[in-house]
């Protein structure tokens, strides 16, 4: 069964395998196919699947060829686990947020600046509320949805606590909407300030729970962490840190105005954006890219030692940037 003429081979398409040998779905699901591509799976070869899911192709083919158990009595669609499709509401909400609180609101702010002939035509709180919606609603929701779908597959395990994972969706979505609108009205209404601060705390709770679900899922897999996992863990840590930082930042800046507001923003906002863009988004992209590019596209294997050195340098640079920005303003140099 291991000869070159044995069926299936690395060039066999997944739908052809499942149609001819339905019980092979058990093997493919074990390595992360669950919920992908519909009842017959995606139109990709077993060789590509093995690379993408970091499974030795000879092991995968051998297990499929020796799979003799009868097909499951239920249709594949009814066997999907809750975590298999949990990414969908996150992606849909992320698209809705980027089109509304993101693009539409951003265009409205730019129009006010253009018509008013001054960057001060749009209020600072409104601009920051728009920026917050972009980071938490667009980037945050997409990252969380992708992580719930892909990260368990990196370790060939099911998502831990899928109900908690779904709850983080509603907490983050409600939090970012209430917080963004509350920040806009906070300067004029006390109730809006309380709503914005409370919603910000809800966001922190959602993000912390999200990180806990991902780390618990990895722990349950029993597989050791590899070099690119540490990029992802660093990004998750910065995700929590920036959420707490922004919650405190909102609490303070939404109660002041004028020169005092300008001083606070000029001192504390740049470090926040550094955490969000470099600490959270950039490190997440670097981690996932190192996991995917080598396996998906057959690129040369990454030097793990150099990668970890790079991670240490990047984190040190981010901390240095934050410290430098704060020192520049607070020390007067």
C-alpha atoms as a PDB file:
ATOM      1  CA  UNK A   1       0.000   0.000   0.000  1.00  0.00           C
ATOM      2  CA  UNK A   2       2.959   2.351   0.116  1.00  0.00           C
ATOM      3  CA  UNK A   3       3.948   2.030  -3.559  1.00  0.00           C
ATOM      4  CA  UNK A   4       3.696   4.889  -5.989  1.00  0.00           C
ATOM      5  CA  UNK A   5       0.591   3.356  -7.649  1.00  0.00           C
ATOM      6  CA  UNK A   6      -1.382   3.088  -4.409  1.00  0.00           C
ATOM      7  CA  UNK A   7      -4.528   5.183  -4.053  1.00  0.00           C
ATOM      8  CA  UNK A   8      -4.844   7.851  -2.885  1.00  0.00           C
ATOM      9  CA  UNK A   9      -1.599   9.699  -3.461  1.00  0.00           C
ATOM     10  CA  UNK A  10      -0.394  13.231  -2.759  1.00  0.00           C
ATOM     11  CA  UNK A  11      -1.991  14.578  -5.963  1.00  0.00           C
ATOM     12  CA  UNK A  12      -5.469  13.200  -5.178  1.00  0.00           C
ATOM     13  CA  UNK A  13      -8.097  15.869  -4.502  1.00  0.00           C
ATOM     14  CA  UNK A  14      -9.829  15.829  -1.119  1.00  0.00           C
ATOM     15  CA  UNK A  15     -13.387  15.744  -2.599  1.00  0.00           C
ATOM     16  CA  UNK A  16     -12.432  12.669  -4.658  1.00  0.00           C
ATOM     17  CA  UNK A  17     -11.157  10.939  -1.522  1.00  0.00           C
ATOM     18  CA  UNK A  18     -14.287  11.698   0.504  1.00  0.00           C
ATOM     19  CA  UNK A  19     -16.656  10.641  -2.296  1.00  0.00           C
ATOM     20  CA  UNK A  20     -14.867   7.335  -2.809  1.00  0.00           C
ATOM     21  CA  UNK A  21     -13.889   6.694   0.823  1.00  0.00           C
ATOM     22  CA  UNK A  22     -16.254   8.636   3.137  1.00  0.00           C
ATOM     23  CA  UNK A  23     -14.644   7.224   6.284  1.00  0.00           C
ATOM     24  CA  UNK A  24     -11.401   8.991   5.331  1.00  0.00           C
ATOM     25  CA  UNK A  25     -13.078  12.142   6.603  1.00  0.00           C
ATOM     26  CA  UNK A  26     -12.296  10.909  10.115  1.00  0.00           C
ATOM     27  CA  UNK A  27      -8.578  11.037   9.380  1.00  0.00           C
ATOM     28  CA  UNK A  28      -8.755  14.429   7.696  1.00  0.00           C
ATOM     29  CA  UNK A  29     -10.849  15.871  10.535  1.00  0.00           C
ATOM     30  CA  UNK A  30      -8.296  14.663  13.039  1.00  0.00           C
ATOM     31  CA  UNK A  31      -5.700  16.873  11.346  1.00  0.00           C
ATOM     32  CA  UNK A  32      -7.929  19.936  11.112  1.00  0.00           C
ATOM     33  CA  UNK A  33     -10.229  19.647   8.092  1.00  0.00           C
ATOM     34  CA  UNK A  34     -13.351  20.035  10.258  1.00  0.00           C
ATOM     35  CA  UNK A  35     -15.820  22.473   8.774  1.00  0.00           C
ATOM     36  CA  UNK A  36     -13.589  23.508   5.865  1.00  0.00           C
ATOM     37  CA  UNK A  37     -14.864  23.422   2.296  1.00  0.00           C
ATOM     38  CA  UNK A  38     -18.319  22.006   2.954  1.00  0.00           C
ATOM     39  CA  UNK A  39     -19.401  18.336   3.078  1.00  0.00           C
ATOM     40  CA  UNK A  40     -16.763  17.208   0.580  1.00  0.00           C
ATOM     41  CA  UNK A  41     -13.971  19.459   1.760  1.00  0.00           C
ATOM     42  CA  UNK A  42     -11.989  22.044  -0.225  1.00  0.00           C
ATOM     43  CA  UNK A  43     -10.793  21.378  -3.755  1.00  0.00           C
ATOM     44  CA  UNK A  44      -7.150  20.890  -2.854  1.00  0.00           C
ATOM     45  CA  UNK A  45      -4.765  17.962  -3.019  1.00  0.00           C
ATOM     46  CA  UNK A  46      -3.803  15.770  -0.099  1.00  0.00           C
ATOM     47  CA  UNK A  47      -0.235  16.986  -0.581  1.00  0.00           C
ATOM     48  CA  UNK A  48      -1.270  20.602  -0.075  1.00  0.00           C
ATOM     49  CA  UNK A  49      -3.443  19.646   2.907  1.00  0.00           C
ATOM     50  CA  UNK A  50      -0.511  17.827   4.509  1.00  0.00           C
ATOM     51  CA  UNK A  51       1.783  20.836   4.076  1.00  0.00           C
ATOM     52  CA  UNK A  52      -0.831  23.318   5.282  1.00  0.00           C
ATOM     53  CA  UNK A  53      -1.617  21.288   8.392  1.00  0.00           C
ATOM     54  CA  UNK A  54       1.976  20.288   9.091  1.00  0.00           C
ATOM     55  CA  UNK A  55       1.361  16.553   8.735  1.00  0.00           C
ATOM     56  CA  UNK A  56       3.901  14.218   7.097  1.00  0.00           C
ATOM     57  CA  UNK A  57       2.318  13.213   3.793  1.00  0.00           C
ATOM     58  CA  UNK A  58       3.337   9.553   4.138  1.00  0.00           C
ATOM     59  CA  UNK A  59       1.632   9.339   7.529  1.00  0.00           C
ATOM     60  CA  UNK A  60      -1.533  10.960   6.176  1.00  0.00           C
ATOM     61  CA  UNK A  61      -1.717   8.656   3.148  1.00  0.00           C
ATOM     62  CA  UNK A  62      -1.027   5.569   5.252  1.00  0.00           C
ATOM     63  CA  UNK A  63      -3.789   6.423   7.731  1.00  0.00           C
ATOM     64  CA  UNK A  64      -6.302   7.112   4.933  1.00  0.00           C
ATOM     65  CA  UNK A  65      -5.469   3.844   3.150  1.00  0.00           C
ATOM     66  CA  UNK A  66      -5.923   1.847   6.323  1.00  0.00           C
ATOM     67  CA  UNK A  67      -9.113   3.574   7.456  1.00  0.00           C
ATOM     68  CA  UNK A  68     -11.637   0.732   7.542  1.00  0.00           C
ATOM     69  CA  UNK A  69     -14.272   2.057   9.903  1.00  0.00           C
ATOM     70  CA  UNK A  70     -17.740   2.557   8.402  1.00  0.00           C
ATOM     71  CA  UNK A  71     -18.876   6.086   7.617  1.00  0.00           C
ATOM     72  CA  UNK A  72     -20.577   7.991  10.430  1.00  0.00           C
ATOM     73  CA  UNK A  73     -24.378   7.660  10.343  1.00  0.00           C
ATOM     74  CA  UNK A  74     -24.970  11.435  10.419  1.00  0.00           C
ATOM     75  CA  UNK A  75     -24.350  13.808   7.498  1.00  0.00           C
ATOM     76  CA  UNK A  76     -21.062  15.649   7.665  1.00  0.00           C
ATOM     77  CA  UNK A  77     -22.828  18.994   8.063  1.00  0.00           C
ATOM     78  CA  UNK A  78     -24.489  17.743  11.258  1.00  0.00           C
ATOM     79  CA  UNK A  79     -21.199  16.531  12.697  1.00  0.00           C
ATOM     80  CA  UNK A  80     -19.524  19.931  12.669  1.00  0.00           C
ATOM     81  CA  UNK A  81     -18.333  21.074  16.085  1.00  0.00           C
ATOM     82  CA  UNK A  82     -19.331  24.528  17.423  1.00  0.00           C
ATOM     83  CA  UNK A  83     -15.800  25.841  16.952  1.00  0.00           C
ATOM     84  CA  UNK A  84     -15.723  24.913  13.260  1.00  0.00           C
ATOM     85  CA  UNK A  85     -17.884  27.831  12.107  1.00  0.00           C
ATOM     86  CA  UNK A  86     -17.395  30.289  14.962  1.00  0.00           C
ATOM     87  CA  UNK A  87     -15.310  32.582  12.755  1.00  0.00           C
ATOM     88  CA  UNK A  88     -18.346  33.574  10.665  1.00  0.00           C
ATOM     89  CA  UNK A  89     -20.013  36.103  13.013  1.00  0.00           C
ATOM     90  CA  UNK A  90     -16.610  37.652  13.759  1.00  0.00           C
ATOM     91  CA  UNK A  91     -15.860  38.151  10.056  1.00  0.00           C
ATOM     92  CA  UNK A  92     -19.349  39.454   9.248  1.00  0.00           C
ATOM     93  CA  UNK A  93     -19.303  41.890  12.169  1.00  0.00           C
ATOM     94  CA  UNK A  94     -15.775  42.997  11.260  1.00  0.00           C
ATOM     95  CA  UNK A  95     -16.911  43.812   7.722  1.00  0.00           C
ATOM     96  CA  UNK A  96     -19.955  45.688   9.035  1.00  0.00           C
ATOM     97  CA  UNK A  97     -17.851  47.706  11.482  1.00  0.00           C
ATOM     98  CA  UNK A  98     -15.192  48.651   8.925  1.00  0.00           C
ATOM     99  CA  UNK A  99     -17.870  49.863   6.509  1.00  0.00           C
ATOM    100  CA  UNK A 100     -19.853  51.829   9.107  1.00  0.00           C
ATOM    101  CA  UNK A 101     -17.801  53.024  12.096  1.00  0.00           C
ATOM    102  CA  UNK A 102     -14.710  52.720   9.930  1.00  0.00           C
ATOM    103  CA  UNK A 103     -15.070  53.875   6.317  1.00  0.00           C
ATOM    104  CA  UNK A 104     -18.353  55.807   6.529  1.00  0.00           C
ATOM    105  CA  UNK A 105     -17.486  57.591   9.776  1.00  0.00           C
ATOM    106  CA  UNK A 106     -13.953  58.274   8.534  1.00  0.00           C
ATOM    107  CA  UNK A 107     -15.271  59.807   5.311  1.00  0.00           C
ATOM    108  CA  UNK A 108     -17.666  61.962   7.346  1.00  0.00           C
ATOM    109  CA  UNK A 109     -14.808  63.226   9.539  1.00  0.00           C
ATOM    110  CA  UNK A 110     -12.658  64.012   6.498  1.00  0.00           C
ATOM    111  CA  UNK A 111     -15.548  65.898   4.904  1.00  0.00           C
ATOM    112  CA  UNK A 112     -15.920  68.021   8.032  1.00  0.00           C
ATOM    113  CA  UNK A 113     -12.198  68.785   8.039  1.00  0.00           C
ATOM    114  CA  UNK A 114     -12.325  69.738   4.331  1.00  0.00           C
ATOM    115  CA  UNK A 115     -15.433  71.893   4.635  1.00  0.00           C
ATOM    116  CA  UNK A 116     -14.214  73.500   7.831  1.00  0.00           C
ATOM    117  CA  UNK A 117     -10.761  74.193   6.413  1.00  0.00           C
ATOM    118  CA  UNK A 118      -9.114  72.985   9.628  1.00  0.00           C
ATOM    119  CA  UNK A 119      -8.074  69.726  11.238  1.00  0.00           C
ATOM    120  CA  UNK A 120      -9.766  71.000  14.401  1.00  0.00           C
ATOM    121  CA  UNK A 121     -13.145  70.892  12.648  1.00  0.00           C
ATOM    122  CA  UNK A 122     -13.537  67.300  13.851  1.00  0.00           C
ATOM    123  CA  UNK A 123     -13.374  66.772  17.602  1.00  0.00           C
ATOM    124  CA  UNK A 124     -10.535  64.831  19.219  1.00  0.00           C
ATOM    125  CA  UNK A 125     -12.879  62.423  21.023  1.00  0.00           C
ATOM    126  CA  UNK A 126     -14.779  61.672  17.844  1.00  0.00           C
ATOM    127  CA  UNK A 127     -11.567  60.976  15.935  1.00  0.00           C
ATOM    128  CA  UNK A 128     -10.321  58.680  18.691  1.00  0.00           C
ATOM    129  CA  UNK A 129     -13.660  56.863  18.833  1.00  0.00           C
ATOM    130  CA  UNK A 130     -13.363  56.260  15.090  1.00  0.00           C
ATOM    131  CA  UNK A 131      -9.798  54.988  15.533  1.00  0.00           C
ATOM    132  CA  UNK A 132     -10.859  52.710  18.363  1.00  0.00           C
ATOM    133  CA  UNK A 133     -13.585  51.174  16.202  1.00  0.00           C
ATOM    134  CA  UNK A 134     -10.982  50.422  13.530  1.00  0.00           C
ATOM    135  CA  UNK A 135      -8.547  48.694  15.890  1.00  0.00           C
ATOM    136  CA  UNK A 136     -11.039  46.731  17.980  1.00  0.00           C
ATOM    137  CA  UNK A 137     -13.835  46.270  15.450  1.00  0.00           C
ATOM    138  CA  UNK A 138     -11.931  45.644  12.256  1.00  0.00           C
ATOM    139  CA  UNK A 139      -8.552  44.261  13.307  1.00  0.00           C
ATOM    140  CA  UNK A 140      -9.706  42.804  16.641  1.00  0.00           C
ATOM    141  CA  UNK A 141     -12.765  40.960  15.351  1.00  0.00           C
ATOM    142  CA  UNK A 142     -10.931  39.566  12.335  1.00  0.00           C
ATOM    143  CA  UNK A 143      -7.987  38.377  14.419  1.00  0.00           C
ATOM    144  CA  UNK A 144     -10.270  36.716  16.972  1.00  0.00           C
ATOM    145  CA  UNK A 145     -12.367  34.994  14.311  1.00  0.00           C
ATOM    146  CA  UNK A 146      -9.293  33.758  12.460  1.00  0.00           C
ATOM    147  CA  UNK A 147      -7.642  32.623  15.684  1.00  0.00           C
ATOM    148  CA  UNK A 148     -10.655  30.593  16.811  1.00  0.00           C
ATOM    149  CA  UNK A 149     -10.748  28.891  13.405  1.00  0.00           C
ATOM    150  CA  UNK A 150      -7.059  28.407  12.614  1.00  0.00           C
ATOM    151  CA  UNK A 151      -5.097  28.189  15.857  1.00  0.00           C
ATOM    152  CA  UNK A 152      -6.696  24.910  17.036  1.00  0.00           C
ATOM    153  CA  UNK A 153      -5.846  23.437  13.636  1.00  0.00           C
ATOM    154  CA  UNK A 154      -2.213  24.426  14.095  1.00  0.00           C
ATOM    155  CA  UNK A 155      -2.166  21.908  16.971  1.00  0.00           C
ATOM    156  CA  UNK A 156      -4.683  19.371  15.572  1.00  0.00           C
ATOM    157  CA  UNK A 157      -7.132  19.923  18.429  1.00  0.00           C
ATOM    158  CA  UNK A 158     -10.705  21.160  18.906  1.00  0.00           C
ATOM    159  CA  UNK A 159     -11.409  24.658  20.208  1.00  0.00           C
ATOM    160  CA  UNK A 160     -11.749  24.767  23.986  1.00  0.00           C
ATOM    161  CA  UNK A 161     -14.871  26.347  25.492  1.00  0.00           C
ATOM    162  CA  UNK A 162     -16.669  27.278  22.232  1.00  0.00           C
ATOM    163  CA  UNK A 163     -19.538  28.858  24.186  1.00  0.00           C
ATOM    164  CA  UNK A 164     -17.106  31.165  25.960  1.00  0.00           C
ATOM    165  CA  UNK A 165     -15.553  31.950  22.594  1.00  0.00           C
ATOM    166  CA  UNK A 166     -18.958  32.922  21.188  1.00  0.00           C
ATOM    167  CA  UNK A 167     -19.642  35.037  24.282  1.00  0.00           C
ATOM    168  CA  UNK A 168     -16.444  37.004  23.588  1.00  0.00           C
ATOM    169  CA  UNK A 169     -17.915  37.961  20.222  1.00  0.00           C
ATOM    170  CA  UNK A 170     -20.982  39.568  21.765  1.00  0.00           C
ATOM    171  CA  UNK A 171     -18.976  41.191  24.553  1.00  0.00           C
ATOM    172  CA  UNK A 172     -16.510  42.769  22.136  1.00  0.00           C
ATOM    173  CA  UNK A 173     -19.153  43.828  19.608  1.00  0.00           C
ATOM    174  CA  UNK A 174     -21.447  45.424  22.207  1.00  0.00           C
ATOM    175  CA  UNK A 175     -18.455  46.933  23.977  1.00  0.00           C
ATOM    176  CA  UNK A 176     -16.952  48.616  20.931  1.00  0.00           C
ATOM    177  CA  UNK A 177     -20.304  50.024  19.741  1.00  0.00           C
ATOM    178  CA  UNK A 178     -21.272  51.431  23.142  1.00  0.00           C
ATOM    179  CA  UNK A 179     -17.752  52.651  23.812  1.00  0.00           C
ATOM    180  CA  UNK A 180     -17.357  54.370  20.428  1.00  0.00           C
ATOM    181  CA  UNK A 181     -20.687  56.164  20.677  1.00  0.00           C
ATOM    182  CA  UNK A 182     -20.292  56.851  24.393  1.00  0.00           C
ATOM    183  CA  UNK A 183     -16.903  58.502  23.866  1.00  0.00           C
ATOM    184  CA  UNK A 184     -18.463  60.841  21.311  1.00  0.00           C
ATOM    185  CA  UNK A 185     -21.089  62.072  23.790  1.00  0.00           C
ATOM    186  CA  UNK A 186     -19.017  61.774  26.994  1.00  0.00           C
ATOM    187  CA  UNK A 187     -17.907  65.405  27.034  1.00  0.00           C
ATOM    188  CA  UNK A 188     -21.514  66.595  27.278  1.00  0.00           C
ATOM    189  CA  UNK A 189     -23.285  63.786  29.143  1.00  0.00           C
ATOM    190  CA  UNK A 190     -22.169  62.004  32.314  1.00  0.00           C
ATOM    191  CA  UNK A 191     -24.230  58.931  31.481  1.00  0.00           C
ATOM    192  CA  UNK A 192     -22.308  58.575  28.194  1.00  0.00           C
ATOM    193  CA  UNK A 193     -19.006  58.674  30.095  1.00  0.00           C
ATOM    194  CA  UNK A 194     -20.133  55.855  32.396  1.00  0.00           C
ATOM    195  CA  UNK A 195     -21.368  53.886  29.404  1.00  0.00           C
ATOM    196  CA  UNK A 196     -18.093  54.313  27.537  1.00  0.00           C
ATOM    197  CA  UNK A 197     -15.960  53.330  30.539  1.00  0.00           C
ATOM    198  CA  UNK A 198     -18.176  50.331  31.323  1.00  0.00           C
ATOM    199  CA  UNK A 199     -18.084  49.205  27.691  1.00  0.00           C
ATOM    200  CA  UNK A 200     -14.298  49.561  27.692  1.00  0.00           C
ATOM    201  CA  UNK A 201     -14.081  47.219  30.680  1.00  0.00           C
ATOM    202  CA  UNK A 202     -16.323  44.784  28.794  1.00  0.00           C
ATOM    203  CA  UNK A 203     -13.867  44.851  25.890  1.00  0.00           C
ATOM    204  CA  UNK A 204     -10.969  44.076  28.221  1.00  0.00           C
ATOM    205  CA  UNK A 205     -12.936  41.135  29.623  1.00  0.00           C
ATOM    206  CA  UNK A 206     -13.707  39.819  26.126  1.00  0.00           C
ATOM    207  CA  UNK A 207     -10.083  40.047  25.004  1.00  0.00           C
ATOM    208  CA  UNK A 208      -8.765  38.406  28.169  1.00  0.00           C
ATOM    209  CA  UNK A 209     -11.269  35.555  27.809  1.00  0.00           C
ATOM    210  CA  UNK A 210     -10.302  35.163  24.136  1.00  0.00           C
ATOM    211  CA  UNK A 211      -6.623  34.802  25.033  1.00  0.00           C
ATOM    212  CA  UNK A 212      -7.507  32.301  27.775  1.00  0.00           C
ATOM    213  CA  UNK A 213      -9.516  30.167  25.325  1.00  0.00           C
ATOM    214  CA  UNK A 214      -6.653  30.091  22.799  1.00  0.00           C
ATOM    215  CA  UNK A 215      -4.007  29.211  25.390  1.00  0.00           C
ATOM    216  CA  UNK A 216      -6.242  26.530  26.941  1.00  0.00           C
ATOM    217  CA  UNK A 217      -6.839  25.046  23.482  1.00  0.00           C
ATOM    218  CA  UNK A 218      -3.101  24.821  22.867  1.00  0.00           C
ATOM    219  CA  UNK A 219      -2.486  23.302  26.299  1.00  0.00           C
ATOM    220  CA  UNK A 220      -5.112  20.609  25.677  1.00  0.00           C
ATOM    221  CA  UNK A 221      -3.396  19.607  22.450  1.00  0.00           C
ATOM    222  CA  UNK A 222      -0.408  18.341  24.429  1.00  0.00           C
ATOM    223  CA  UNK A 223       1.909  19.596  21.693  1.00  0.00           C
ATOM    224  CA  UNK A 224       4.927  21.770  22.503  1.00  0.00           C
ATOM    225  CA  UNK A 225       5.141  25.387  21.452  1.00  0.00           C
ATOM    226  CA  UNK A 226       7.309  26.111  18.426  1.00  0.00           C
ATOM    227  CA  UNK A 227       9.142  29.287  17.454  1.00  0.00           C
ATOM    228  CA  UNK A 228       6.269  31.024  15.627  1.00  0.00           C
ATOM    229  CA  UNK A 229       3.922  30.358  18.560  1.00  0.00           C
ATOM    230  CA  UNK A 230       5.959  32.796  20.627  1.00  0.00           C
ATOM    231  CA  UNK A 231       5.204  35.564  18.127  1.00  0.00           C
ATOM    232  CA  UNK A 232       1.498  34.808  18.517  1.00  0.00           C
ATOM    233  CA  UNK A 233       1.768  34.700  22.312  1.00  0.00           C
ATOM    234  CA  UNK A 234       3.588  38.056  22.282  1.00  0.00           C
ATOM    235  CA  UNK A 235       0.835  39.517  20.090  1.00  0.00           C
ATOM    236  CA  UNK A 236      -1.843  38.180  22.452  1.00  0.00           C
ATOM    237  CA  UNK A 237      -0.038  39.728  25.416  1.00  0.00           C
ATOM    238  CA  UNK A 238       0.127  43.102  23.659  1.00  0.00           C
ATOM    239  CA  UNK A 239      -3.578  42.714  22.774  1.00  0.00           C
ATOM    240  CA  UNK A 240      -4.435  42.587  26.474  1.00  0.00           C
ATOM    241  CA  UNK A 241      -1.962  45.307  27.469  1.00  0.00           C
ATOM    242  CA  UNK A 242      -3.235  47.781  24.883  1.00  0.00           C
ATOM    243  CA  UNK A 243      -6.862  47.067  25.849  1.00  0.00           C
ATOM    244  CA  UNK A 244      -6.161  47.848  29.521  1.00  0.00           C
ATOM    245  CA  UNK A 245      -4.052  50.869  28.576  1.00  0.00           C
ATOM    246  CA  UNK A 246      -6.776  52.274  26.312  1.00  0.00           C
ATOM    247  CA  UNK A 247      -9.429  51.716  28.961  1.00  0.00           C
ATOM    248  CA  UNK A 248      -7.451  53.839  31.433  1.00  0.00           C
ATOM    249  CA  UNK A 249      -6.633  56.355  28.703  1.00  0.00           C
ATOM    250  CA  UNK A 250     -10.327  56.738  27.847  1.00  0.00           C
ATOM    251  CA  UNK A 251     -11.303  57.136  31.507  1.00  0.00           C
ATOM    252  CA  UNK A 252      -8.895  60.036  31.946  1.00  0.00           C
ATOM    253  CA  UNK A 253      -9.162  61.866  28.621  1.00  0.00           C
ATOM    254  CA  UNK A 254     -12.966  61.817  28.361  1.00  0.00           C
ATOM    255  CA  UNK A 255     -13.307  64.048  31.455  1.00  0.00           C
ATOM    256  CA  UNK A 256     -11.097  66.926  30.260  1.00  0.00           C
ATOM    257  CA  UNK A 257     -10.966  69.350  27.333  1.00  0.00           C
ATOM    258  CA  UNK A 258      -8.916  72.120  25.806  1.00  0.00           C
ATOM    259  CA  UNK A 259      -5.212  72.343  26.559  1.00  0.00           C
ATOM    260  CA  UNK A 260      -5.403  69.637  29.212  1.00  0.00           C
ATOM    261  CA  UNK A 261      -6.873  67.172  26.702  1.00  0.00           C
ATOM    262  CA  UNK A 262      -4.276  68.148  24.109  1.00  0.00           C
ATOM    263  CA  UNK A 263      -1.459  67.558  26.612  1.00  0.00           C
ATOM    264  CA  UNK A 264      -2.759  64.118  27.591  1.00  0.00           C
ATOM    265  CA  UNK A 265      -3.292  63.047  23.994  1.00  0.00           C
ATOM    266  CA  UNK A 266       0.136  64.249  22.846  1.00  0.00           C
ATOM    267  CA  UNK A 267       1.777  62.313  25.688  1.00  0.00           C
ATOM    268  CA  UNK A 268      -0.141  59.048  25.926  1.00  0.00           C
ATOM    269  CA  UNK A 269      -1.721  58.332  22.536  1.00  0.00           C
ATOM    270  CA  UNK A 270       1.423  57.614  20.494  1.00  0.00           C
ATOM    271  CA  UNK A 271       2.532  54.773  22.846  1.00  0.00           C
ATOM    272  CA  UNK A 272      -0.969  53.302  22.568  1.00  0.00           C
ATOM    273  CA  UNK A 273      -0.843  53.214  18.775  1.00  0.00           C
ATOM    274  CA  UNK A 274       2.619  51.653  18.965  1.00  0.00           C
ATOM    275  CA  UNK A 275       1.268  48.823  21.127  1.00  0.00           C
ATOM    276  CA  UNK A 276      -1.677  48.287  18.795  1.00  0.00           C
ATOM    277  CA  UNK A 277       0.124  48.420  15.452  1.00  0.00           C
ATOM    278  CA  UNK A 278       3.559  47.007  16.259  1.00  0.00           C
ATOM    279  CA  UNK A 279       2.869  44.953  19.373  1.00  0.00           C
ATOM    280  CA  UNK A 280      -0.472  43.401  18.477  1.00  0.00           C
ATOM    281  CA  UNK A 281      -1.057  43.542  14.721  1.00  0.00           C
ATOM    282  CA  UNK A 282       2.517  43.267  13.411  1.00  0.00           C
ATOM    283  CA  UNK A 283       3.618  40.431  15.704  1.00  0.00           C
ATOM    284  CA  UNK A 284       0.407  38.505  14.954  1.00  0.00           C
ATOM    285  CA  UNK A 285       1.040  38.853  11.218  1.00  0.00           C
ATOM    286  CA  UNK A 286       4.670  37.776  11.614  1.00  0.00           C
ATOM    287  CA  UNK A 287       3.715  34.726  13.678  1.00  0.00           C
ATOM    288  CA  UNK A 288       0.968  33.488  11.386  1.00  0.00           C
ATOM    289  CA  UNK A 289       3.068  34.208   8.283  1.00  0.00           C
ATOM    290  CA  UNK A 290       5.920  32.054   9.551  1.00  0.00           C
ATOM    291  CA  UNK A 291       3.466  29.233  10.220  1.00  0.00           C
ATOM    292  CA  UNK A 292       1.720  29.481   6.850  1.00  0.00           C
ATOM    293  CA  UNK A 293       4.172  30.616   4.178  1.00  0.00           C
ATOM    294  CA  UNK A 294       6.681  27.791   4.602  1.00  0.00           C
ATOM    295  CA  UNK A 295       3.996  25.090   4.592  1.00  0.00           C
ATOM    296  CA  UNK A 296       1.586  26.561   2.031  1.00  0.00           C
ATOM    297  CA  UNK A 297       4.049  27.755  -0.568  1.00  0.00           C
ATOM    298  CA  UNK A 298       7.001  25.451  -0.108  1.00  0.00           C
ATOM    299  CA  UNK A 299       9.365  28.267   0.878  1.00  0.00           C
ATOM    300  CA  UNK A 300      12.718  27.447   2.517  1.00  0.00           C
ATOM    301  CA  UNK A 301      12.502  26.392   6.139  1.00  0.00           C
ATOM    302  CA  UNK A 302      12.864  29.259   8.591  1.00  0.00           C
ATOM    303  CA  UNK A 303      15.902  29.471  10.840  1.00  0.00           C
ATOM    304  CA  UNK A 304      14.232  29.087  14.212  1.00  0.00           C
ATOM    305  CA  UNK A 305      17.090  30.591  16.201  1.00  0.00           C
ATOM    306  CA  UNK A 306      17.196  33.732  14.070  1.00  0.00           C
ATOM    307  CA  UNK A 307      13.424  33.999  14.251  1.00  0.00           C
ATOM    308  CA  UNK A 308      13.442  33.968  18.062  1.00  0.00           C
ATOM    309  CA  UNK A 309      16.281  36.497  18.134  1.00  0.00           C
ATOM    310  CA  UNK A 310      14.201  38.692  15.850  1.00  0.00           C
ATOM    311  CA  UNK A 311      11.213  38.358  18.174  1.00  0.00           C
ATOM    312  CA  UNK A 312      13.280  39.440  21.167  1.00  0.00           C
ATOM    313  CA  UNK A 313      14.609  42.436  19.253  1.00  0.00           C
ATOM    314  CA  UNK A 314      11.153  43.465  18.055  1.00  0.00           C
ATOM    315  CA  UNK A 315       9.676  43.312  21.559  1.00  0.00           C
ATOM    316  CA  UNK A 316      12.654  45.253  22.914  1.00  0.00           C
ATOM    317  CA  UNK A 317      12.190  47.852  20.167  1.00  0.00           C
ATOM    318  CA  UNK A 318       8.488  48.244  20.979  1.00  0.00           C
ATOM    319  CA  UNK A 319       9.216  48.720  24.679  1.00  0.00           C
ATOM    320  CA  UNK A 320      11.987  51.157  23.758  1.00  0.00           C
ATOM    321  CA  UNK A 321       9.686  53.136  21.470  1.00  0.00           C
ATOM    322  CA  UNK A 322       7.031  53.393  24.160  1.00  0.00           C
ATOM    323  CA  UNK A 323       9.538  54.412  26.823  1.00  0.00           C
ATOM    324  CA  UNK A 324      11.167  56.924  24.462  1.00  0.00           C
ATOM    325  CA  UNK A 325       7.860  58.519  23.486  1.00  0.00           C
ATOM    326  CA  UNK A 326       6.823  58.907  27.103  1.00  0.00           C
ATOM    327  CA  UNK A 327      10.233  60.217  28.183  1.00  0.00           C
ATOM    328  CA  UNK A 328      10.265  62.706  25.317  1.00  0.00           C
ATOM    329  CA  UNK A 329       7.049  64.291  26.590  1.00  0.00           C
ATOM    330  CA  UNK A 330       7.375  63.898  30.341  1.00  0.00           C
ATOM    331  CA  UNK A 331      11.052  64.895  30.633  1.00  0.00           C
ATOM    332  CA  UNK A 332      10.780  67.772  28.212  1.00  0.00           C
ATOM    333  CA  UNK A 333      13.539  66.589  25.859  1.00  0.00           C
END
